[in-house]
Amino acid sequence: MRPFIWALGLLACAGAQASPYANLLDKAWLRLPQAQSQPAREAELDASRAAASSVFPSPPALELAHRTDRFNDNAGAREIEAALAMPLWLPGERDARKELAASEAQRYSAEQLALRLQLAGELREAIWQVKLAENARTLALGRLASARQTEADVARRVKAGDLARSDLLLAQGETMAAQAAIADAEGELAAARQAYTRIVGDEVLPAVEAEQAETTAAGGDIETHPALALQRRRVAAAQARQRLVTQTRRDNPELSVGTRRERATPDERYTNTVTVALRLPFGTESRNAPRMAAAQAELTEAEAEYRRQRFDIEQGIRKALLDVDIARHQAELAAARHALAQDNLQLVKKAFSLGEKSLFEFQRTQALANEAELAANQADITLNRAYARLNQAKGLLP
């Protein structure tokens, strides 16, 4: 009776403890209007299933009538009639309505899972954007600490007469540039955290495990992709609706059972009779043609959307796989560049302390080393984000 709850139960039972990633997704999910309206939607679906299994296709009606000649001849004629009008199911209509109700319930469950996957994608992007911004801020702080240390060293050597005052001004300029870089990094971090907060509801970001290649191995079959499953359920619902239209080419017949109590004159005794009537509406082209055309149009659109969605998913997976390969290669190159830059920095730093290199050369080497460190760390985070995007493309939830 609760397909979506059942599906989430399976996901919850997959591990003894949910990962921080999954907990964040649950937290963000509860903030969505679609999640908050879920009990009401499920009650609506239950009511539709109950209506499809009811005795009558629509509520019965009570008919009451009273006839008298009091206002014309006034000969004492009286007639009282009461009848119960009961609509009847058309052949095959009840089964068609049951099938439609079941299809709508499955479609709703698929919609919820697809919406959850969409939310997971937004959460993944927000988390890794925060990680990138935090890394940039951390490296900016390191750059400032290094610049201040260099400025203090240059000031000492200027005081000792080993360096010119212009070198101190150059060192102070690097310190100010590092401070400006921190301000920029903090602005980007604040924006990233704000985007994350809009999704989750607060700024708390627990330690989230990186999504690695092993995680993506289970997502090879796109038939289980929530977005594709949703389109498949929409096609099934459109087919069920078309079958219902086919089975209801006319309005429901109506059976009336009633009684009549009447007399012609005051001297006569009342006579009682029982009335049984059957009303059979006709199906006309003007009634059925628009309904059939609308049902066919809905089915055609659903099938076309299924094919388009399948193509988009396949292309998205191919692009995500390519992005992972590119990000992995860039991470390897950035790590190698970082190692070379650090080795070069140590050599130039030693030469600067011995007076063999100028402050300009040292600062340039240090800037290149800082840039290489930032690029290496950013490349690692970008690789993790590429894995997350691959999982997202394959329809895998955290």
Protein backbone atom coordinates (compact mmCIF):
# COMPACT_ATOMS: atom_id res chain seq x y z
CA MET A 1 0.00 0.00 0.00
CA ARG A 2 2.99 2.25 0.38
CA PRO A 3 5.35 1.52 -2.53
CA PHE A 4 7.56 4.54 -1.89
CA ILE A 5 7.93 3.84 1.84
CA TRP A 6 8.71 0.22 0.99
CA ALA A 7 11.41 1.30 -1.47
CA LEU A 8 12.98 3.66 1.05
CA GLY A 9 12.86 0.87 3.62
CA LEU A 10 14.96 -1.30 1.36
CA LEU A 11 17.47 1.52 0.99
CA ALA A 12 17.57 2.00 4.76
CA CYS A 13 18.15 -1.71 5.37
CA ALA A 14 21.05 -1.81 2.92
CA GLY A 15 23.45 -0.85 5.70
CA ALA A 16 23.34 -1.10 9.47
CA GLN A 17 24.10 2.62 9.73
CA ALA A 18 23.32 5.30 7.19
CA SER A 19 26.26 7.31 5.88
CA PRO A 20 26.51 11.04 6.65
CA TYR A 21 25.75 11.62 2.96
CA ALA A 22 22.50 9.67 3.24
CA ASN A 23 21.59 11.44 6.48
CA LEU A 24 22.05 14.81 4.79
CA LEU A 25 19.84 13.68 1.93
CA ASP A 26 17.14 12.58 4.38
CA LYS A 27 17.39 15.93 6.14
CA ALA A 28 17.08 17.85 2.88
CA TRP A 29 14.24 15.61 1.70
CA LEU A 30 12.08 16.38 4.71
CA ARG A 31 12.19 20.09 3.82
CA LEU A 32 10.62 19.58 0.40
CA PRO A 33 6.91 20.37 -0.01
CA GLN A 34 6.52 17.10 -1.93
CA ALA A 35 7.81 15.16 1.06
CA GLN A 36 5.56 17.00 3.50
CA SER A 37 2.50 16.36 1.34
CA GLN A 38 3.32 12.67 0.93
CA PRO A 39 0.82 11.37 3.55
CA ALA A 40 -1.99 13.33 1.91
CA ARG A 41 -0.99 12.10 -1.55
CA GLU A 42 -0.90 8.51 -0.35
CA ALA A 43 -4.34 8.95 1.21
CA GLU A 44 -5.55 10.24 -2.16
CA LEU A 45 -4.15 7.16 -3.92
CA ASP A 46 -5.74 4.87 -1.33
CA ALA A 47 -9.06 6.58 -1.90
CA SER A 48 -8.72 6.08 -5.66
CA ARG A 49 -8.05 2.38 -5.19
CA ALA A 50 -11.01 2.08 -2.84
CA ALA A 51 -13.27 3.88 -5.33
CA ALA A 52 -12.20 1.49 -8.09
CA SER A 53 -13.25 -1.45 -5.89
CA SER A 54 -16.56 0.02 -4.72
CA VAL A 55 -19.97 -1.46 -5.49
CA PHE A 56 -21.05 1.44 -7.66
CA PRO A 57 -19.00 3.56 -10.08
CA SER A 58 -20.58 6.71 -8.59
CA PRO A 59 -22.89 7.38 -5.63
CA PRO A 60 -26.52 6.19 -5.83
CA ALA A 61 -29.30 8.78 -5.75
CA LEU A 62 -32.69 8.89 -4.06
CA GLU A 63 -35.57 10.13 -6.21
CA LEU A 64 -38.76 11.45 -4.58
CA ALA A 65 -41.90 12.65 -6.39
CA HIS A 66 -45.36 13.78 -5.33
CA ARG A 67 -48.27 14.35 -7.75
CA THR A 68 -51.59 16.02 -6.90
CA ASP A 69 -54.54 17.73 -8.63
CA ARG A 70 -55.17 20.04 -5.71
CA PHE A 71 -54.35 23.14 -7.73
CA ASN A 72 -56.51 22.30 -10.81
CA ASP A 73 -59.51 19.87 -10.64
CA ASN A 74 -59.01 18.98 -6.99
CA ALA A 75 -60.72 15.64 -7.53
CA GLY A 76 -58.61 14.04 -4.83
CA ALA A 77 -55.96 12.41 -7.07
CA ARG A 78 -52.76 11.79 -5.19
CA GLU A 79 -49.52 10.01 -6.11
CA ILE A 80 -46.31 9.52 -4.11
CA GLU A 81 -43.23 7.91 -5.65
CA ALA A 82 -39.83 7.01 -4.21
CA ALA A 83 -37.00 5.34 -6.10
CA LEU A 84 -33.33 4.50 -5.62
CA ALA A 85 -31.21 5.11 -8.74
CA MET A 86 -28.03 3.03 -8.81
CA PRO A 87 -25.32 3.53 -11.47
CA LEU A 88 -23.84 0.30 -12.81
CA TRP A 89 -20.34 -0.58 -13.94
CA LEU A 90 -19.81 -0.96 -17.65
CA PRO A 91 -18.25 -4.25 -18.79
CA GLY A 92 -14.52 -4.08 -18.06
CA GLU A 93 -14.73 -0.63 -16.48
CA ARG A 94 -14.02 -1.70 -12.91
CA ASP A 95 -10.90 -3.66 -13.88
CA ALA A 96 -9.72 -0.73 -15.99
CA ARG A 97 -10.18 1.67 -13.07
CA LYS A 98 -8.32 -0.69 -10.73
CA GLU A 99 -5.47 -0.90 -13.22
CA LEU A 100 -5.38 2.88 -13.56
CA ALA A 101 -5.35 3.36 -9.78
CA ALA A 102 -2.48 0.89 -9.42
CA SER A 103 -0.56 2.58 -12.24
CA GLU A 104 -1.03 6.00 -10.67
CA ALA A 105 0.27 4.69 -7.34
CA GLN A 106 3.36 3.24 -9.02
CA ARG A 107 3.86 6.46 -10.95
CA TYR A 108 3.72 8.49 -7.74
CA SER A 109 6.31 6.22 -6.08
CA ALA A 110 8.58 6.60 -9.11
CA GLU A 111 8.11 10.38 -9.02
CA GLN A 112 9.20 10.49 -5.39
CA LEU A 113 12.33 8.44 -6.07
CA ALA A 114 13.19 10.54 -9.13
CA LEU A 115 12.70 13.71 -7.09
CA ARG A 116 14.95 12.29 -4.39
CA LEU A 117 17.63 11.61 -6.99
CA GLN A 118 17.31 15.17 -8.31
CA LEU A 119 17.72 16.47 -4.76
CA ALA A 120 20.76 14.23 -4.32
CA GLY A 121 22.33 15.84 -7.38
CA GLU A 122 21.77 19.33 -5.98
CA LEU A 123 23.19 18.22 -2.63
CA ARG A 124 26.25 16.65 -4.24
CA GLU A 125 27.02 19.82 -6.19
CA ALA A 126 26.55 22.00 -3.11
CA ILE A 127 28.78 19.83 -0.92
CA TRP A 128 31.68 19.71 -3.34
CA GLN A 129 31.37 23.40 -4.08
CA VAL A 130 31.79 24.03 -0.35
CA LYS A 131 34.79 21.68 -0.33
CA LEU A 132 36.41 23.58 -3.20
CA ALA A 133 35.79 26.93 -1.49
CA GLU A 134 37.11 25.64 1.86
CA ASN A 135 40.26 24.39 0.17
CA ALA A 136 40.81 27.73 -1.55
CA ARG A 137 40.38 29.55 1.77
CA THR A 138 42.76 27.19 3.57
CA LEU A 139 45.46 27.71 0.96
CA ALA A 140 44.86 31.47 1.04
CA LEU A 141 45.45 31.43 4.80
CA GLY A 142 48.63 29.44 4.24
CA ARG A 143 49.74 31.95 1.65
CA LEU A 144 49.19 34.80 4.12
CA ALA A 145 51.15 33.04 6.84
CA SER A 146 54.02 32.43 4.43
CA ALA A 147 53.90 36.04 3.21
CA ARG A 148 54.03 37.39 6.77
CA GLN A 149 56.95 35.13 7.59
CA THR A 150 58.77 36.33 4.49
CA GLU A 151 57.96 39.96 5.33
CA ALA A 152 59.37 39.55 8.83
CA ASP A 153 62.52 37.93 7.45
CA VAL A 154 62.96 40.69 4.86
CA ALA A 155 62.40 43.39 7.51
CA ARG A 156 65.11 41.83 9.64
CA ARG A 157 67.54 41.70 6.74
CA VAL A 158 66.70 45.28 5.69
CA LYS A 159 67.45 46.41 9.22
CA ALA A 160 70.73 44.53 9.06
CA GLY A 161 71.55 46.20 5.75
CA ASP A 162 71.49 43.00 3.69
CA LEU A 163 68.47 44.03 1.58
CA ALA A 164 67.17 47.29 0.21
CA ARG A 165 64.02 48.94 1.54
CA SER A 166 62.36 48.33 -1.84
CA ASP A 167 62.50 44.61 -1.05
CA LEU A 168 60.54 45.23 2.15
CA LEU A 169 57.91 47.15 0.19
CA LEU A 170 57.70 44.23 -2.23
CA ALA A 171 57.23 41.79 0.66
CA GLN A 172 54.56 43.99 2.21
CA GLY A 173 52.77 44.11 -1.13
CA GLU A 174 52.69 40.30 -1.23
CA THR A 175 51.21 40.25 2.29
CA MET A 176 48.44 42.62 1.22
CA ALA A 177 47.78 40.54 -1.88
CA ALA A 178 47.46 37.45 0.32
CA GLN A 179 44.98 39.28 2.55
CA ALA A 180 42.92 40.26 -0.50
CA ALA A 181 42.98 36.63 -1.66
CA ILE A 182 41.59 35.57 1.71
CA ALA A 183 38.75 38.06 1.39
CA ASP A 184 37.89 36.69 -2.06
CA ALA A 185 38.08 33.10 -0.81
CA GLU A 186 35.87 33.85 2.18
CA GLY A 187 33.30 35.48 -0.12
CA GLU A 188 33.20 32.40 -2.34
CA LEU A 189 32.98 30.14 0.70
CA ALA A 190 30.08 32.16 2.13
CA ALA A 191 28.21 31.88 -1.17
CA ALA A 192 28.84 28.13 -1.34
CA ARG A 193 27.68 27.62 2.24
CA GLN A 194 24.57 29.68 1.58
CA ALA A 195 23.70 27.45 -1.39
CA TYR A 196 24.24 24.38 0.81
CA THR A 197 22.10 25.86 3.59
CA ARG A 198 19.21 26.47 1.19
CA ILE A 199 19.13 22.74 0.49
CA VAL A 200 19.75 21.25 3.94
CA GLY A 201 18.39 23.96 6.22
CA ASP A 202 21.52 24.72 8.25
CA GLU A 203 25.25 25.29 7.75
CA VAL A 204 26.42 22.11 9.50
CA LEU A 205 28.41 20.03 7.02
CA PRO A 206 29.60 16.74 8.53
CA ALA A 207 32.54 14.80 7.17
CA VAL A 208 31.37 13.31 3.89
CA GLU A 209 33.16 10.38 2.33
CA ALA A 210 34.40 10.78 -1.23
CA GLU A 211 32.54 8.74 -3.82
CA GLN A 212 35.09 6.49 -5.47
CA ALA A 213 35.09 4.32 -8.58
CA GLU A 214 34.07 1.23 -6.63
CA THR A 215 30.81 2.94 -5.78
CA THR A 216 29.96 3.47 -9.41
CA ALA A 217 30.43 -0.13 -10.53
CA ALA A 218 26.91 -1.19 -9.55
CA GLY A 219 25.21 1.40 -11.73
CA GLY A 220 25.66 -0.18 -15.13
CA ASP A 221 22.02 -1.01 -15.83
CA ILE A 222 20.13 2.15 -16.71
CA GLU A 223 16.80 0.32 -16.55
CA THR A 224 16.89 0.86 -12.78
CA HIS A 225 17.62 4.57 -13.16
CA PRO A 226 14.90 6.45 -11.20
CA ALA A 227 14.37 9.01 -13.97
CA LEU A 228 13.89 6.29 -16.58
CA ALA A 229 11.71 4.25 -14.23
CA LEU A 230 9.52 7.32 -13.78
CA GLN A 231 9.02 7.70 -17.53
CA ARG A 232 8.22 3.99 -17.78
CA ARG A 233 5.56 4.37 -15.10
CA ARG A 234 4.14 7.39 -16.88
CA VAL A 235 3.82 5.34 -20.06
CA ALA A 236 2.06 2.58 -18.09
CA ALA A 237 -0.32 5.12 -16.53
CA ALA A 238 -1.10 6.61 -19.96
CA GLN A 239 -1.81 3.13 -21.33
CA ALA A 240 -4.11 2.39 -18.39
CA ARG A 241 -5.94 5.67 -18.92
CA GLN A 242 -6.38 4.88 -22.61
CA ARG A 243 -7.84 1.46 -21.75
CA LEU A 244 -10.27 3.10 -19.35
CA VAL A 245 -11.41 5.50 -22.07
CA THR A 246 -11.91 2.54 -24.38
CA GLN A 247 -14.02 0.74 -21.78
CA THR A 248 -16.18 3.80 -21.07
CA ARG A 249 -17.44 4.79 -24.50
CA ARG A 250 -20.81 5.61 -22.95
CA ASP A 251 -21.99 6.90 -19.60
CA ASN A 252 -22.79 4.37 -16.92
CA PRO A 253 -26.19 2.67 -17.14
CA GLU A 254 -28.53 3.29 -14.25
CA LEU A 255 -30.87 0.89 -12.49
CA SER A 256 -33.80 2.39 -10.60
CA VAL A 257 -35.92 0.47 -8.11
CA GLY A 258 -38.88 2.31 -6.62
CA THR A 259 -42.38 2.16 -5.30
CA ARG A 260 -45.50 4.19 -6.15
CA ARG A 261 -48.51 4.84 -3.93
CA GLU A 262 -51.51 6.43 -5.70
CA ARG A 263 -55.29 6.98 -5.83
CA ALA A 264 -57.59 8.63 -8.37
CA THR A 265 -60.35 9.90 -5.99
CA PRO A 266 -60.72 10.32 -2.27
CA ASP A 267 -63.13 7.36 -2.17
CA GLU A 268 -60.58 4.95 -3.60
CA ARG A 269 -58.02 3.10 -1.56
CA TYR A 270 -54.36 3.74 -2.23
CA THR A 271 -52.72 1.19 -4.51
CA ASN A 272 -49.04 0.33 -4.24
CA THR A 273 -46.86 -0.65 -7.18
CA VAL A 274 -43.17 -1.40 -7.65
CA THR A 275 -41.17 0.16 -10.45
CA VAL A 276 -37.95 -1.21 -11.95
CA ALA A 277 -36.31 0.93 -14.64
CA LEU A 278 -33.06 0.67 -16.58
CA ARG A 279 -31.44 3.71 -18.21
CA LEU A 280 -28.98 2.96 -21.04
CA PRO A 281 -27.07 5.99 -22.38
CA PHE A 282 -25.76 5.90 -25.94
CA GLY A 283 -22.16 6.54 -26.89
CA THR A 284 -21.73 9.18 -29.56
CA GLU A 285 -18.75 10.23 -31.64
CA SER A 286 -18.96 13.79 -30.35
CA ARG A 287 -18.52 12.48 -26.82
CA ASN A 288 -15.87 9.82 -27.41
CA ALA A 289 -13.63 11.33 -30.09
CA PRO A 290 -12.10 14.09 -27.89
CA ARG A 291 -11.50 11.66 -25.02
CA MET A 292 -9.85 9.07 -27.26
CA ALA A 293 -7.70 11.69 -28.97
CA ALA A 294 -6.56 13.15 -25.64
CA ALA A 295 -5.68 9.69 -24.28
CA GLN A 296 -3.71 8.84 -27.42
CA ALA A 297 -1.87 12.17 -27.32
CA GLU A 298 -0.90 11.60 -23.68
CA LEU A 299 0.39 8.10 -24.48
CA THR A 300 2.37 9.32 -27.50
CA GLU A 301 3.99 12.09 -25.46
CA ALA A 302 4.85 9.67 -22.64
CA GLU A 303 6.47 7.19 -25.02
CA ALA A 304 8.44 9.95 -26.76
CA GLU A 305 9.59 11.33 -23.41
CA TYR A 306 10.69 7.83 -22.35
CA ARG A 307 12.88 7.49 -25.46
CA ARG A 308 14.30 10.99 -24.98
CA GLN A 309 15.01 10.37 -21.30
CA ARG A 310 16.75 7.10 -22.08
CA PHE A 311 18.97 8.82 -24.66
CA ASP A 312 19.78 11.66 -22.25
CA ILE A 313 20.74 9.21 -19.50
CA GLU A 314 23.02 7.25 -21.82
CA GLN A 315 24.70 10.44 -23.02
CA GLY A 316 24.98 11.74 -19.46
CA ILE A 317 26.75 8.57 -18.32
CA ARG A 318 29.17 8.72 -21.25
CA LYS A 319 30.00 12.34 -20.46
CA ALA A 320 30.41 11.59 -16.74
CA LEU A 321 32.79 8.70 -17.50
CA LEU A 322 34.83 10.96 -19.77
CA ASP A 323 34.89 13.68 -17.11
CA VAL A 324 36.18 11.16 -14.55
CA ASP A 325 39.02 10.12 -16.86
CA ILE A 326 39.92 13.76 -17.53
CA ALA A 327 39.75 14.68 -13.84
CA ARG A 328 41.89 11.68 -12.88
CA HIS A 329 44.54 12.64 -15.44
CA GLN A 330 44.48 16.27 -14.32
CA ALA A 331 44.84 15.21 -10.68
CA GLU A 332 47.91 13.12 -11.53
CA LEU A 333 49.49 15.99 -13.46
CA ALA A 334 48.66 18.49 -10.71
CA ALA A 335 50.20 16.23 -8.05
CA ALA A 336 53.41 15.87 -10.09
CA ARG A 337 53.54 19.63 -10.70
CA HIS A 338 53.01 20.29 -6.99
CA ALA A 339 55.90 18.00 -6.04
CA LEU A 340 58.23 19.72 -8.51
CA ALA A 341 57.13 23.16 -7.33
CA GLN A 342 57.80 22.27 -3.70
CA ASP A 343 61.27 20.96 -4.51
CA ASN A 344 62.05 24.10 -6.48
CA LEU A 345 60.72 26.30 -3.68
CA GLN A 346 63.02 24.68 -1.14
CA LEU A 347 66.02 25.26 -3.40
CA VAL A 348 65.15 28.89 -4.12
CA LYS A 349 64.30 29.56 -0.46
CA LYS A 350 67.70 28.29 0.61
CA ALA A 351 69.40 30.33 -2.10
CA PHE A 352 67.46 33.45 -1.04
CA SER A 353 68.51 33.02 2.57
CA LEU A 354 72.12 32.84 1.39
CA GLY A 355 71.70 35.92 -0.77
CA GLU A 356 72.07 34.01 -4.01
CA LYS A 357 68.52 34.78 -5.20
CA SER A 358 66.59 38.02 -5.21
CA LEU A 359 63.37 38.58 -3.33
CA PHE A 360 61.52 38.88 -6.63
CA GLU A 361 62.75 35.43 -7.70
CA PHE A 362 61.81 33.95 -4.34
CA GLN A 363 58.34 35.48 -4.38
CA ARG A 364 57.76 34.33 -7.94
CA THR A 365 58.82 30.78 -7.02
CA GLN A 366 56.65 30.86 -3.92
CA ALA A 367 53.66 32.08 -5.94
CA LEU A 368 54.14 29.24 -8.40
CA ALA A 369 54.34 26.77 -5.51
CA ASN A 370 51.17 28.17 -3.95
CA GLU A 371 49.41 27.97 -7.29
CA ALA A 372 50.58 24.37 -7.77
CA GLU A 373 49.38 23.40 -4.29
CA LEU A 374 46.00 25.00 -4.90
CA ALA A 375 45.71 23.28 -8.28
CA ALA A 376 46.65 19.89 -6.81
CA ASN A 377 44.14 20.10 -3.99
CA GLN A 378 41.44 21.47 -6.27
CA ALA A 379 42.15 18.66 -8.76
CA ASP A 380 41.64 16.04 -6.04
CA ILE A 381 38.34 17.60 -5.02
CA THR A 382 37.31 17.94 -8.65
CA LEU A 383 38.02 14.23 -9.15
CA ASN A 384 35.82 13.38 -6.17
CA ARG A 385 33.11 15.62 -7.59
CA ALA A 386 33.44 13.85 -10.94
CA TYR A 387 32.86 10.51 -9.20
CA ALA A 388 29.80 11.99 -7.50
CA ARG A 389 28.49 13.26 -10.84
CA LEU A 390 29.03 9.81 -12.36
CA ASN A 391 27.00 8.25 -9.56
CA GLN A 392 24.34 10.88 -10.17
CA ALA A 393 24.30 10.18 -13.91
CA LYS A 394 23.86 6.46 -13.21
CA GLY A 395 20.98 7.17 -10.85
CA LEU A 396 22.73 6.02 -7.66
CA LEU A 397 21.62 7.60 -4.41
CA PRO A 398 24.15 8.35 -1.65
